[in-house]
Amino acid sequence: MEIIIIISLVILLALGALFVIPKSQNKGKSKRNDLGAGTTSRSFTTEEISKHSTREDCWIIIKDKVYDVTPYVEEHPGGDAILNNAGGDSTEGFFGPQHGTRVFDIIEDFCIGQLKAS
């Protein structure tokens, strides 16, 4: 009888841990840019950025900041919509009604620099 109680408690604790620890807690964190959140010390031309326009290598511009969102492409809740402006300016789409305020924090994790003034 004691063994059944102990096994039941262990199972309950394990199940409880699954609900307490968010599934996405570490999702994507190790894949995000190596330069650190909000890094803007590098500058890129639109020509350089345009070379990064695929699912496997996806850079976007938002308000003159450059973001390497490659690791986020598969996580993007809107699916392939993130690729609509890959290698170009995504400012208008980014500030569309489909995005909640949470994206403003998320995007900074992918910042790799500034758009070079032309």
PDB file of N, CA and C in Angstrom:
ATOM      1  N   MET A   1       0.821  -1.193   0.000  1.00  0.00           N
ATOM      2  CA  MET A   1       0.000   0.000   0.000  1.00  0.00           C
ATOM      3  C   MET A   1       0.869   1.261   0.000  1.00  0.00           C
ATOM      4  N   GLU A   2       1.942   1.250   0.810  1.00  0.00           N
ATOM      5  CA  GLU A   2       2.832   2.406   0.877  1.00  0.00           C
ATOM      6  C   GLU A   2       3.516   2.640  -0.470  1.00  0.00           C
ATOM      7  N   ILE A   3       3.863   1.580  -1.152  1.00  0.00           N
ATOM      8  CA  ILE A   3       4.520   1.692  -2.456  1.00  0.00           C
ATOM      9  C   ILE A   3       3.586   2.364  -3.455  1.00  0.00           C
ATOM     10  N   ILE A   4       2.326   2.013  -3.428  1.00  0.00           N
ATOM     11  CA  ILE A   4       1.348   2.618  -4.338  1.00  0.00           C
ATOM     12  C   ILE A   4       1.219   4.108  -4.058  1.00  0.00           C
ATOM     13  N   ILE A   5       1.219   4.490  -2.803  1.00  0.00           N
ATOM     14  CA  ILE A   5       1.124   5.906  -2.431  1.00  0.00           C
ATOM     15  C   ILE A   5       2.366   6.652  -2.899  1.00  0.00           C
ATOM     16  N   ILE A   6       3.533   6.073  -2.699  1.00  0.00           N
ATOM     17  CA  ILE A   6       4.787   6.712  -3.113  1.00  0.00           C
ATOM     18  C   ILE A   6       4.828   6.869  -4.631  1.00  0.00           C
ATOM     19  N   ILE A   7       4.472   5.832  -5.353  1.00  0.00           N
ATOM     20  CA  ILE A   7       4.460   5.894  -6.820  1.00  0.00           C
ATOM     21  C   ILE A   7       3.460   6.943  -7.294  1.00  0.00           C
ATOM     22  N   SER A   8       2.311   7.001  -6.661  1.00  0.00           N
ATOM     23  CA  SER A   8       1.292   7.995  -7.024  1.00  0.00           C
ATOM     24  C   SER A   8       1.799   9.409  -6.799  1.00  0.00           C
ATOM     25  N   LEU A   9       2.489   9.632  -5.684  1.00  0.00           N
ATOM     26  CA  LEU A   9       3.042  10.957  -5.396  1.00  0.00           C
ATOM     27  C   LEU A   9       4.108  11.353  -6.417  1.00  0.00           C
ATOM     28  N   VAL A  10       4.958  10.412  -6.784  1.00  0.00           N
ATOM     29  CA  VAL A  10       5.997  10.686  -7.782  1.00  0.00           C
ATOM     30  C   VAL A  10       5.361  11.059  -9.119  1.00  0.00           C
ATOM     31  N   ILE A  11       4.351  10.330  -9.519  1.00  0.00           N
ATOM     32  CA  ILE A  11       3.655  10.622 -10.779  1.00  0.00           C
ATOM     33  C   ILE A  11       2.989  11.990 -10.716  1.00  0.00           C
ATOM     34  N   LEU A  12       2.341  12.296  -9.607  1.00  0.00           N
ATOM     35  CA  LEU A  12       1.694  13.606  -9.457  1.00  0.00           C
ATOM     36  C   LEU A  12       2.708  14.739  -9.504  1.00  0.00           C
ATOM     37  N   LEU A  13       3.852  14.557  -8.854  1.00  0.00           N
ATOM     38  CA  LEU A  13       4.896  15.578  -8.893  1.00  0.00           C
ATOM     39  C   LEU A  13       5.421  15.779 -10.314  1.00  0.00           C
ATOM     40  N   ALA A  14       5.627  14.689 -11.024  1.00  0.00           N
ATOM     41  CA  ALA A  14       6.111  14.781 -12.406  1.00  0.00           C
ATOM     42  C   ALA A  14       5.103  15.502 -13.287  1.00  0.00           C
ATOM     43  N   LEU A  15       3.842  15.160 -13.155  1.00  0.00           N
ATOM     44  CA  LEU A  15       2.803  15.838 -13.939  1.00  0.00           C
ATOM     45  C   LEU A  15       2.697  17.308 -13.559  1.00  0.00           C
ATOM     46  N   GLY A  16       2.806  17.586 -12.279  1.00  0.00           N
ATOM     47  CA  GLY A  16       2.763  18.974 -11.822  1.00  0.00           C
ATOM     48  C   GLY A  16       3.895  19.794 -12.409  1.00  0.00           C
ATOM     49  N   ALA A  17       5.078  19.198 -12.488  1.00  0.00           N
ATOM     50  CA  ALA A  17       6.230  19.899 -13.059  1.00  0.00           C
ATOM     51  C   ALA A  17       5.994  20.247 -14.522  1.00  0.00           C
ATOM     52  N   LEU A  18       5.317  19.385 -15.245  1.00  0.00           N
ATOM     53  CA  LEU A  18       5.030  19.657 -16.656  1.00  0.00           C
ATOM     54  C   LEU A  18       4.154  20.891 -16.825  1.00  0.00           C
ATOM     55  N   PHE A  19       3.253  21.111 -15.900  1.00  0.00           N
ATOM     56  CA  PHE A  19       2.358  22.254 -16.004  1.00  0.00           C
ATOM     57  C   PHE A  19       2.970  23.523 -15.434  1.00  0.00           C
ATOM     58  N   VAL A  20       3.879  23.388 -14.493  1.00  0.00           N
ATOM     59  CA  VAL A  20       4.494  24.550 -13.861  1.00  0.00           C
ATOM     60  C   VAL A  20       5.594  25.133 -14.733  1.00  0.00           C
ATOM     61  N   ILE A  21       6.388  24.275 -15.359  1.00  0.00           N
ATOM     62  CA  ILE A  21       7.490  24.729 -16.205  1.00  0.00           C
ATOM     63  C   ILE A  21       6.949  24.966 -17.604  1.00  0.00           C
ATOM     64  N   PRO A  22       6.976  26.236 -18.080  1.00  0.00           N
ATOM     65  CA  PRO A  22       6.462  26.522 -19.427  1.00  0.00           C
ATOM     66  C   PRO A  22       7.242  25.764 -20.490  1.00  0.00           C
ATOM     67  N   LYS A  23       6.510  25.239 -21.457  1.00  0.00           N
ATOM     68  CA  LYS A  23       7.138  24.467 -22.532  1.00  0.00           C
ATOM     69  C   LYS A  23       8.092  25.307 -23.353  1.00  0.00           C
ATOM     70  N   SER A  24       7.762  26.561 -23.551  1.00  0.00           N
ATOM     71  CA  SER A  24       8.587  27.404 -24.417  1.00  0.00           C
ATOM     72  C   SER A  24       9.638  28.178 -23.644  1.00  0.00           C
ATOM     73  N   GLN A  25       9.865  27.841 -22.382  1.00  0.00           N
ATOM     74  CA  GLN A  25      10.800  28.584 -21.555  1.00  0.00           C
ATOM     75  C   GLN A  25      12.169  28.715 -22.204  1.00  0.00           C
ATOM     76  N   ASN A  26      12.687  27.654 -22.766  1.00  0.00           N
ATOM     77  CA  ASN A  26      14.000  27.692 -23.393  1.00  0.00           C
ATOM     78  C   ASN A  26      13.933  27.600 -24.900  1.00  0.00           C
ATOM     79  N   LYS A  27      12.761  27.569 -25.458  1.00  0.00           N
ATOM     80  CA  LYS A  27      12.598  27.391 -26.894  1.00  0.00           C
ATOM     81  C   LYS A  27      13.244  28.549 -27.655  1.00  0.00           C
ATOM     82  N   GLY A  28      14.213  28.230 -28.481  1.00  0.00           N
ATOM     83  CA  GLY A  28      14.832  29.224 -29.334  1.00  0.00           C
ATOM     84  C   GLY A  28      15.911  30.060 -28.679  1.00  0.00           C
ATOM     85  N   LYS A  29      16.027  30.063 -27.366  1.00  0.00           N
ATOM     86  CA  LYS A  29      16.986  30.942 -26.716  1.00  0.00           C
ATOM     87  C   LYS A  29      18.416  30.656 -27.136  1.00  0.00           C
ATOM     88  N   SER A  30      18.787  29.394 -27.219  1.00  0.00           N
ATOM     89  CA  SER A  30      20.156  29.077 -27.587  1.00  0.00           C
ATOM     90  C   SER A  30      20.424  29.374 -29.056  1.00  0.00           C
ATOM     91  N   LYS A  31      19.368  29.522 -29.855  1.00  0.00           N
ATOM     92  CA  LYS A  31      19.534  29.756 -31.284  1.00  0.00           C
ATOM     93  C   LYS A  31      19.587  31.243 -31.617  1.00  0.00           C
ATOM     94  N   ARG A  32      19.218  32.092 -30.703  1.00  0.00           N
ATOM     95  CA  ARG A  32      19.142  33.514 -31.008  1.00  0.00           C
ATOM     96  C   ARG A  32      20.523  34.106 -31.189  1.00  0.00           C
ATOM     97  N   ASN A  33      20.562  35.342 -31.690  1.00  0.00           N
ATOM     98  CA  ASN A  33      21.837  35.889 -32.139  1.00  0.00           C
ATOM     99  C   ASN A  33      22.910  35.873 -31.061  1.00  0.00           C
ATOM    100  N   ASP A  34      24.131  35.643 -31.490  1.00  0.00           N
ATOM    101  CA  ASP A  34      25.262  35.545 -30.583  1.00  0.00           C
ATOM    102  C   ASP A  34      25.752  36.906 -30.117  1.00  0.00           C
ATOM    103  N   LEU A  35      25.301  37.961 -30.755  1.00  0.00           N
ATOM    104  CA  LEU A  35      25.764  39.293 -30.408  1.00  0.00           C
ATOM    105  C   LEU A  35      25.052  39.851 -29.192  1.00  0.00           C
ATOM    106  N   GLY A  36      23.932  39.255 -28.804  1.00  0.00           N
ATOM    107  CA  GLY A  36      23.191  39.730 -27.641  1.00  0.00           C
ATOM    108  C   GLY A  36      22.024  40.589 -28.055  1.00  0.00           C
ATOM    109  N   ALA A  37      21.048  40.657 -27.194  1.00  0.00           N
ATOM    110  CA  ALA A  37      19.825  41.397 -27.491  1.00  0.00           C
ATOM    111  C   ALA A  37      20.115  42.868 -27.713  1.00  0.00           C
ATOM    112  N   GLY A  38      19.516  43.404 -28.754  1.00  0.00           N
ATOM    113  CA  GLY A  38      19.594  44.835 -29.006  1.00  0.00           C
ATOM    114  C   GLY A  38      20.919  45.321 -29.557  1.00  0.00           C
ATOM    115  N   THR A  39      21.781  44.455 -30.007  1.00  0.00           N
ATOM    116  CA  THR A  39      23.077  44.863 -30.535  1.00  0.00           C
ATOM    117  C   THR A  39      22.884  45.709 -31.788  1.00  0.00           C
ATOM    118  N   THR A  40      23.485  46.875 -31.802  1.00  0.00           N
ATOM    119  CA  THR A  40      23.343  47.758 -32.960  1.00  0.00           C
ATOM    120  C   THR A  40      24.679  48.358 -33.379  1.00  0.00           C
ATOM    121  N   SER A  41      25.797  47.769 -33.002  1.00  0.00           N
ATOM    122  CA  SER A  41      27.099  48.346 -33.310  1.00  0.00           C
ATOM    123  C   SER A  41      27.531  48.123 -34.755  1.00  0.00           C
ATOM    124  N   ARG A  42      26.921  47.164 -35.458  1.00  0.00           N
ATOM    125  CA  ARG A  42      27.264  46.920 -36.852  1.00  0.00           C
ATOM    126  C   ARG A  42      26.265  47.616 -37.756  1.00  0.00           C
ATOM    127  N   SER A  43      26.721  47.976 -38.946  1.00  0.00           N
ATOM    128  CA  SER A  43      25.848  48.607 -39.939  1.00  0.00           C
ATOM    129  C   SER A  43      25.850  47.773 -41.208  1.00  0.00           C
ATOM    130  N   PHE A  44      24.673  47.693 -41.842  1.00  0.00           N
ATOM    131  CA  PHE A  44      24.512  46.892 -43.050  1.00  0.00           C
ATOM    132  C   PHE A  44      23.822  47.717 -44.130  1.00  0.00           C
ATOM    133  N   THR A  45      24.223  47.512 -45.382  1.00  0.00           N
ATOM    134  CA  THR A  45      23.556  48.173 -46.500  1.00  0.00           C
ATOM    135  C   THR A  45      22.340  47.350 -46.903  1.00  0.00           C
ATOM    136  N   THR A  46      21.425  47.976 -47.639  1.00  0.00           N
ATOM    137  CA  THR A  46      20.254  47.236 -48.124  1.00  0.00           C
ATOM    138  C   THR A  46      20.693  46.117 -49.066  1.00  0.00           C
ATOM    139  N   GLU A  47      21.787  46.341 -49.794  1.00  0.00           N
ATOM    140  CA  GLU A  47      22.306  45.304 -50.690  1.00  0.00           C
ATOM    141  C   GLU A  47      22.763  44.076 -49.895  1.00  0.00           C
ATOM    142  N   GLU A  48      23.477  44.311 -48.783  1.00  0.00           N
ATOM    143  CA  GLU A  48      23.918  43.195 -47.937  1.00  0.00           C
ATOM    144  C   GLU A  48      22.720  42.436 -47.366  1.00  0.00           C
ATOM    145  N   ILE A  49      21.744  43.176 -46.890  1.00  0.00           N
ATOM    146  CA  ILE A  49      20.562  42.575 -46.267  1.00  0.00           C
ATOM    147  C   ILE A  49      19.769  41.758 -47.280  1.00  0.00           C
ATOM    148  N   SER A  50      19.694  42.240 -48.518  1.00  0.00           N
ATOM    149  CA  SER A  50      18.906  41.550 -49.551  1.00  0.00           C
ATOM    150  C   SER A  50      19.434  40.147 -49.860  1.00  0.00           C
ATOM    151  N   LYS A  51      20.673  39.872 -49.513  1.00  0.00           N
ATOM    152  CA  LYS A  51      21.261  38.544 -49.745  1.00  0.00           C
ATOM    153  C   LYS A  51      20.758  37.507 -48.736  1.00  0.00           C
ATOM    154  N   HIS A  52      20.038  37.965 -47.731  1.00  0.00           N
ATOM    155  CA  HIS A  52      19.551  37.087 -46.658  1.00  0.00           C
ATOM    156  C   HIS A  52      18.030  37.012 -46.738  1.00  0.00           C
ATOM    157  N   SER A  53      17.541  36.354 -47.775  1.00  0.00           N
ATOM    158  CA  SER A  53      16.107  36.397 -48.076  1.00  0.00           C
ATOM    159  C   SER A  53      15.452  35.021 -48.184  1.00  0.00           C
ATOM    160  N   THR A  54      15.997  34.057 -47.459  1.00  0.00           N
ATOM    161  CA  THR A  54      15.436  32.707 -47.526  1.00  0.00           C
ATOM    162  C   THR A  54      15.046  32.212 -46.132  1.00  0.00           C
ATOM    163  N   ARG A  55      14.326  31.125 -46.110  1.00  0.00           N
ATOM    164  CA  ARG A  55      13.933  30.493 -44.842  1.00  0.00           C
ATOM    165  C   ARG A  55      15.170  30.121 -44.018  1.00  0.00           C
ATOM    166  N   GLU A  56      16.235  29.722 -44.690  1.00  0.00           N
ATOM    167  CA  GLU A  56      17.454  29.283 -44.016  1.00  0.00           C
ATOM    168  C   GLU A  56      18.369  30.435 -43.630  1.00  0.00           C
ATOM    169  N   ASP A  57      18.088  31.625 -44.126  1.00  0.00           N
ATOM    170  CA  ASP A  57      18.927  32.801 -43.866  1.00  0.00           C
ATOM    171  C   ASP A  57      18.048  34.031 -44.056  1.00  0.00           C
ATOM    172  N   CYS A  58      17.371  34.439 -43.004  1.00  0.00           N
ATOM    173  CA  CYS A  58      16.331  35.460 -43.105  1.00  0.00           C
ATOM    174  C   CYS A  58      16.641  36.692 -42.254  1.00  0.00           C
ATOM    175  N   TRP A  59      16.966  37.785 -42.937  1.00  0.00           N
ATOM    176  CA  TRP A  59      17.172  39.063 -42.261  1.00  0.00           C
ATOM    177  C   TRP A  59      16.044  39.995 -42.671  1.00  0.00           C
ATOM    178  N   ILE A  60      15.653  40.862 -41.743  1.00  0.00           N
ATOM    179  CA  ILE A  60      14.638  41.867 -42.043  1.00  0.00           C
ATOM    180  C   ILE A  60      15.056  43.203 -41.439  1.00  0.00           C
ATOM    181  N   ILE A  61      14.461  44.261 -41.968  1.00  0.00           N
ATOM    182  CA  ILE A  61      14.686  45.614 -41.458  1.00  0.00           C
ATOM    183  C   ILE A  61      13.389  46.078 -40.815  1.00  0.00           C
ATOM    184  N   ILE A  62      13.503  46.622 -39.606  1.00  0.00           N
ATOM    185  CA  ILE A  62      12.357  47.239 -38.944  1.00  0.00           C
ATOM    186  C   ILE A  62      12.846  48.551 -38.351  1.00  0.00           C
ATOM    187  N   LYS A  63      12.288  49.638 -38.846  1.00  0.00           N
ATOM    188  CA  LYS A  63      12.662  50.986 -38.377  1.00  0.00           C
ATOM    189  C   LYS A  63      14.180  51.169 -38.346  1.00  0.00           C
ATOM    190  N   ASP A  64      14.823  50.888 -39.460  1.00  0.00           N
ATOM    191  CA  ASP A  64      16.262  51.079 -39.651  1.00  0.00           C
ATOM    192  C   ASP A  64      17.154  50.213 -38.761  1.00  0.00           C
ATOM    193  N   LYS A  65      16.591  49.195 -38.139  1.00  0.00           N
ATOM    194  CA  LYS A  65      17.387  48.223 -37.401  1.00  0.00           C
ATOM    195  C   LYS A  65      17.328  46.903 -38.171  1.00  0.00           C
ATOM    196  N   VAL A  66      18.413  46.147 -38.124  1.00  0.00           N
ATOM    197  CA  VAL A  66      18.519  44.897 -38.873  1.00  0.00           C
ATOM    198  C   VAL A  66      18.409  43.719 -37.901  1.00  0.00           C
ATOM    199  N   TYR A  67      17.576  42.759 -38.289  1.00  0.00           N
ATOM    200  CA  TYR A  67      17.321  41.594 -37.444  1.00  0.00           C
ATOM    201  C   TYR A  67      17.561  40.313 -38.231  1.00  0.00           C
ATOM    202  N   ASP A  68      18.304  39.390 -37.636  1.00  0.00           N
ATOM    203  CA  ASP A  68      18.463  38.055 -38.211  1.00  0.00           C
ATOM    204  C   ASP A  68      17.431  37.170 -37.519  1.00  0.00           C
ATOM    205  N   VAL A  69      16.306  36.963 -38.187  1.00  0.00           N
ATOM    206  CA  VAL A  69      15.199  36.207 -37.596  1.00  0.00           C
ATOM    207  C   VAL A  69      15.188  34.740 -38.043  1.00  0.00           C
ATOM    208  N   THR A  70      16.286  34.296 -38.634  1.00  0.00           N
ATOM    209  CA  THR A  70      16.369  32.916 -39.118  1.00  0.00           C
ATOM    210  C   THR A  70      15.925  31.890 -38.066  1.00  0.00           C
ATOM    211  N   PRO A  71      16.408  31.985 -36.827  1.00  0.00           N
ATOM    212  CA  PRO A  71      15.999  30.978 -35.844  1.00  0.00           C
ATOM    213  C   PRO A  71      14.517  31.047 -35.479  1.00  0.00           C
ATOM    214  N   TYR A  72      13.873  32.169 -35.776  1.00  0.00           N
ATOM    215  CA  TYR A  72      12.476  32.363 -35.395  1.00  0.00           C
ATOM    216  C   TYR A  72      11.494  31.971 -36.499  1.00  0.00           C
ATOM    217  N   VAL A  73      11.990  31.792 -37.711  1.00  0.00           N
ATOM    218  CA  VAL A  73      11.109  31.509 -38.852  1.00  0.00           C
ATOM    219  C   VAL A  73      10.179  30.333 -38.564  1.00  0.00           C
ATOM    220  N   GLU A  74      10.709  29.247 -38.050  1.00  0.00           N
ATOM    221  CA  GLU A  74       9.891  28.058 -37.787  1.00  0.00           C
ATOM    222  C   GLU A  74       8.937  28.253 -36.609  1.00  0.00           C
ATOM    223  N   GLU A  75       9.265  29.167 -35.696  1.00  0.00           N
ATOM    224  CA  GLU A  75       8.430  29.426 -34.520  1.00  0.00           C
ATOM    225  C   GLU A  75       7.341  30.456 -34.794  1.00  0.00           C
ATOM    226  N   HIS A  76       7.470  31.203 -35.875  1.00  0.00           N
ATOM    227  CA  HIS A  76       6.570  32.320 -36.153  1.00  0.00           C
ATOM    228  C   HIS A  76       5.114  31.862 -36.192  1.00  0.00           C
ATOM    229  N   PRO A  77       4.267  32.423 -35.322  1.00  0.00           N
ATOM    230  CA  PRO A  77       2.859  32.005 -35.269  1.00  0.00           C
ATOM    231  C   PRO A  77       2.102  32.237 -36.572  1.00  0.00           C
ATOM    232  N   GLY A  78       2.559  33.194 -37.374  1.00  0.00           N
ATOM    233  CA  GLY A  78       1.902  33.495 -38.641  1.00  0.00           C
ATOM    234  C   GLY A  78       2.439  32.679 -39.804  1.00  0.00           C
ATOM    235  N   GLY A  79       3.215  31.647 -39.490  1.00  0.00           N
ATOM    236  CA  GLY A  79       3.758  30.791 -40.541  1.00  0.00           C
ATOM    237  C   GLY A  79       4.726  31.526 -41.451  1.00  0.00           C
ATOM    238  N   ASP A  80       4.580  31.303 -42.749  1.00  0.00           N
ATOM    239  CA  ASP A  80       5.503  31.875 -43.728  1.00  0.00           C
ATOM    240  C   ASP A  80       5.329  33.370 -43.954  1.00  0.00           C
ATOM    241  N   ALA A  81       4.375  33.997 -43.308  1.00  0.00           N
ATOM    242  CA  ALA A  81       4.192  35.445 -43.470  1.00  0.00           C
ATOM    243  C   ALA A  81       5.459  36.206 -43.108  1.00  0.00           C
ATOM    244  N   ILE A  82       6.252  35.657 -42.220  1.00  0.00           N
ATOM    245  CA  ILE A  82       7.500  36.306 -41.824  1.00  0.00           C
ATOM    246  C   ILE A  82       8.471  36.401 -43.004  1.00  0.00           C
ATOM    247  N   LEU A  83       8.279  35.556 -44.006  1.00  0.00           N
ATOM    248  CA  LEU A  83       9.172  35.544 -45.169  1.00  0.00           C
ATOM    249  C   LEU A  83       8.755  36.541 -46.251  1.00  0.00           C
ATOM    250  N   ASN A  84       7.588  37.166 -46.107  1.00  0.00           N
ATOM    251  CA  ASN A  84       7.097  38.095 -47.137  1.00  0.00           C
ATOM    252  C   ASN A  84       8.083  39.207 -47.454  1.00  0.00           C
ATOM    253  N   ASN A  85       8.792  39.695 -46.454  1.00  0.00           N
ATOM    254  CA  ASN A  85       9.752  40.772 -46.670  1.00  0.00           C
ATOM    255  C   ASN A  85      11.168  40.354 -46.297  1.00  0.00           C
ATOM    256  N   ALA A  86      11.449  39.069 -46.367  1.00  0.00           N
ATOM    257  CA  ALA A  86      12.795  38.576 -46.054  1.00  0.00           C
ATOM    258  C   ALA A  86      13.809  39.269 -46.953  1.00  0.00           C
ATOM    259  N   GLY A  87      14.867  39.758 -46.344  1.00  0.00           N
ATOM    260  CA  GLY A  87      15.893  40.471 -47.090  1.00  0.00           C
ATOM    261  C   GLY A  87      15.527  41.911 -47.378  1.00  0.00           C
ATOM    262  N   GLY A  88      14.460  42.393 -46.768  1.00  0.00           N
ATOM    263  CA  GLY A  88      14.015  43.765 -47.018  1.00  0.00           C
ATOM    264  C   GLY A  88      13.356  44.387 -45.800  1.00  0.00           C
ATOM    265  N   ASP A  89      12.614  45.460 -46.057  1.00  0.00           N
ATOM    266  CA  ASP A  89      11.986  46.230 -44.979  1.00  0.00           C
ATOM    267  C   ASP A  89      10.647  45.622 -44.569  1.00  0.00           C
ATOM    268  N   SER A  90      10.540  45.244 -43.316  1.00  0.00           N
ATOM    269  CA  SER A  90       9.322  44.639 -42.767  1.00  0.00           C
ATOM    270  C   SER A  90       8.603  45.565 -41.795  1.00  0.00           C
ATOM    271  N   THR A  91       8.985  46.835 -41.779  1.00  0.00           N
ATOM    272  CA  THR A  91       8.422  47.769 -40.801  1.00  0.00           C
ATOM    273  C   THR A  91       6.903  47.807 -40.850  1.00  0.00           C
ATOM    274  N   GLU A  92       6.342  47.981 -42.032  1.00  0.00           N
ATOM    275  CA  GLU A  92       4.882  48.100 -42.151  1.00  0.00           C
ATOM    276  C   GLU A  92       4.175  46.836 -41.667  1.00  0.00           C
ATOM    277  N   GLY A  93       4.635  45.690 -42.099  1.00  0.00           N
ATOM    278  CA  GLY A  93       4.021  44.432 -41.684  1.00  0.00           C
ATOM    279  C   GLY A  93       4.194  44.155 -40.200  1.00  0.00           C
ATOM    280  N   PHE A  94       5.347  44.528 -39.671  1.00  0.00           N
ATOM    281  CA  PHE A  94       5.629  44.287 -38.255  1.00  0.00           C
ATOM    282  C   PHE A  94       4.670  45.056 -37.352  1.00  0.00           C
ATOM    283  N   PHE A  95       4.329  46.264 -37.754  1.00  0.00           N
ATOM    284  CA  PHE A  95       3.439  47.089 -36.935  1.00  0.00           C
ATOM    285  C   PHE A  95       1.969  46.913 -37.307  1.00  0.00           C
ATOM    286  N   GLY A  96       1.658  45.829 -38.007  1.00  0.00           N
ATOM    287  CA  GLY A  96       0.278  45.530 -38.379  1.00  0.00           C
ATOM    288  C   GLY A  96      -0.540  45.061 -37.186  1.00  0.00           C
ATOM    289  N   PRO A  97      -1.857  45.007 -37.364  1.00  0.00           N
ATOM    290  CA  PRO A  97      -2.764  44.652 -36.263  1.00  0.00           C
ATOM    291  C   PRO A  97      -2.643  43.199 -35.793  1.00  0.00           C
ATOM    292  N   GLN A  98      -1.994  42.353 -36.576  1.00  0.00           N
ATOM    293  CA  GLN A  98      -1.870  40.945 -36.207  1.00  0.00           C
ATOM    294  C   GLN A  98      -0.869  40.708 -35.081  1.00  0.00           C
ATOM    295  N   HIS A  99      -0.024  41.686 -34.798  1.00  0.00           N
ATOM    296  CA  HIS A  99       1.002  41.508 -33.772  1.00  0.00           C
ATOM    297  C   HIS A  99       0.585  42.145 -32.457  1.00  0.00           C
ATOM    298  N   GLY A 100       0.735  41.402 -31.386  1.00  0.00           N
ATOM    299  CA  GLY A 100       0.510  41.939 -30.050  1.00  0.00           C
ATOM    300  C   GLY A 100       1.763  42.652 -29.569  1.00  0.00           C
ATOM    301  N   THR A 101       1.689  43.264 -28.412  1.00  0.00           N
ATOM    302  CA  THR A 101       2.825  44.028 -27.890  1.00  0.00           C
ATOM    303  C   THR A 101       4.011  43.139 -27.512  1.00  0.00           C
ATOM    304  N   ARG A 102       3.786  41.871 -27.322  1.00  0.00           N
ATOM    305  CA  ARG A 102       4.862  40.943 -26.953  1.00  0.00           C
ATOM    306  C   ARG A 102       5.965  40.888 -28.013  1.00  0.00           C
ATOM    307  N   VAL A 103       5.603  41.098 -29.274  1.00  0.00           N
ATOM    308  CA  VAL A 103       6.604  41.011 -30.345  1.00  0.00           C
ATOM    309  C   VAL A 103       7.677  42.080 -30.220  1.00  0.00           C
ATOM    310  N   PHE A 104       7.361  43.194 -29.574  1.00  0.00           N
ATOM    311  CA  PHE A 104       8.344  44.266 -29.432  1.00  0.00           C
ATOM    312  C   PHE A 104       9.509  43.829 -28.548  1.00  0.00           C
ATOM    313  N   ASP A 105       9.246  42.969 -27.585  1.00  0.00           N
ATOM    314  CA  ASP A 105      10.314  42.424 -26.745  1.00  0.00           C
ATOM    315  C   ASP A 105      11.037  41.284 -27.454  1.00  0.00           C
ATOM    316  N   ILE A 106      10.279  40.429 -28.105  1.00  0.00           N
ATOM    317  CA  ILE A 106      10.857  39.263 -28.778  1.00  0.00           C
ATOM    318  C   ILE A 106      11.835  39.687 -29.869  1.00  0.00           C
ATOM    319  N   ILE A 107      11.464  40.660 -30.675  1.00  0.00           N
ATOM    320  CA  ILE A 107      12.273  41.034 -31.837  1.00  0.00           C
ATOM    321  C   ILE A 107      13.669  41.521 -31.449  1.00  0.00           C
ATOM    322  N   GLU A 108      13.785  42.175 -30.308  1.00  0.00           N
ATOM    323  CA  GLU A 108      15.088  42.714 -29.909  1.00  0.00           C
ATOM    324  C   GLU A 108      16.128  41.622 -29.681  1.00  0.00           C
ATOM    325  N   ASP A 109      15.691  40.415 -29.394  1.00  0.00           N
ATOM    326  CA  ASP A 109      16.629  39.303 -29.224  1.00  0.00           C
ATOM    327  C   ASP A 109      17.349  38.962 -30.524  1.00  0.00           C
ATOM    328  N   PHE A 110      16.818  39.427 -31.648  1.00  0.00           N
ATOM    329  CA  PHE A 110      17.362  39.081 -32.953  1.00  0.00           C
ATOM    330  C   PHE A 110      18.095  40.240 -33.634  1.00  0.00           C
ATOM    331  N   CYS A 111      18.208  41.364 -32.949  1.00  0.00           N
ATOM    332  CA  CYS A 111      18.853  42.543 -33.546  1.00  0.00           C
ATOM    333  C   CYS A 111      20.344  42.282 -33.743  1.00  0.00           C
ATOM    334  N   ILE A 112      20.815  42.561 -34.964  1.00  0.00           N
ATOM    335  CA  ILE A 112      22.242  42.368 -35.258  1.00  0.00           C
ATOM    336  C   ILE A 112      22.922  43.663 -35.682  1.00  0.00           C
ATOM    337  N   GLY A 113      22.164  44.737 -35.850  1.00  0.00           N
ATOM    338  CA  GLY A 113      22.787  45.995 -36.235  1.00  0.00           C
ATOM    339  C   GLY A 113      21.803  47.017 -36.761  1.00  0.00           C
ATOM    340  N   GLN A 114      22.366  48.040 -37.389  1.00  0.00           N
ATOM    341  CA  GLN A 114      21.599  49.153 -37.940  1.00  0.00           C
ATOM    342  C   GLN A 114      21.669  49.140 -39.463  1.00  0.00           C
ATOM    343  N   LEU A 115      20.676  49.744 -40.072  1.00  0.00           N
ATOM    344  CA  LEU A 115      20.707  49.960 -41.514  1.00  0.00           C
ATOM    345  C   LEU A 115      21.674  51.101 -41.779  1.00  0.00           C
ATOM    346  N   LYS A 116      22.614  50.868 -42.675  1.00  0.00           N
ATOM    347  CA  LYS A 116      23.604  51.893 -43.016  1.00  0.00           C
ATOM    348  C   LYS A 116      22.914  53.004 -43.785  1.00  0.00           C
ATOM    349  N   ALA A 117      23.150  54.238 -43.379  1.00  0.00           N
ATOM    350  CA  ALA A 117      22.553  55.386 -44.067  1.00  0.00           C
ATOM    351  C   ALA A 117      23.045  55.430 -45.505  1.00  0.00           C
ATOM    352  N   SER A 118      22.100  55.697 -46.435  1.00  0.00           N
ATOM    353  CA  SER A 118      22.501  55.709 -47.844  1.00  0.00           C
ATOM    354  C   SER A 118      22.946  57.053 -48.311  1.00  0.00           C
TER     355      SER A 118
END
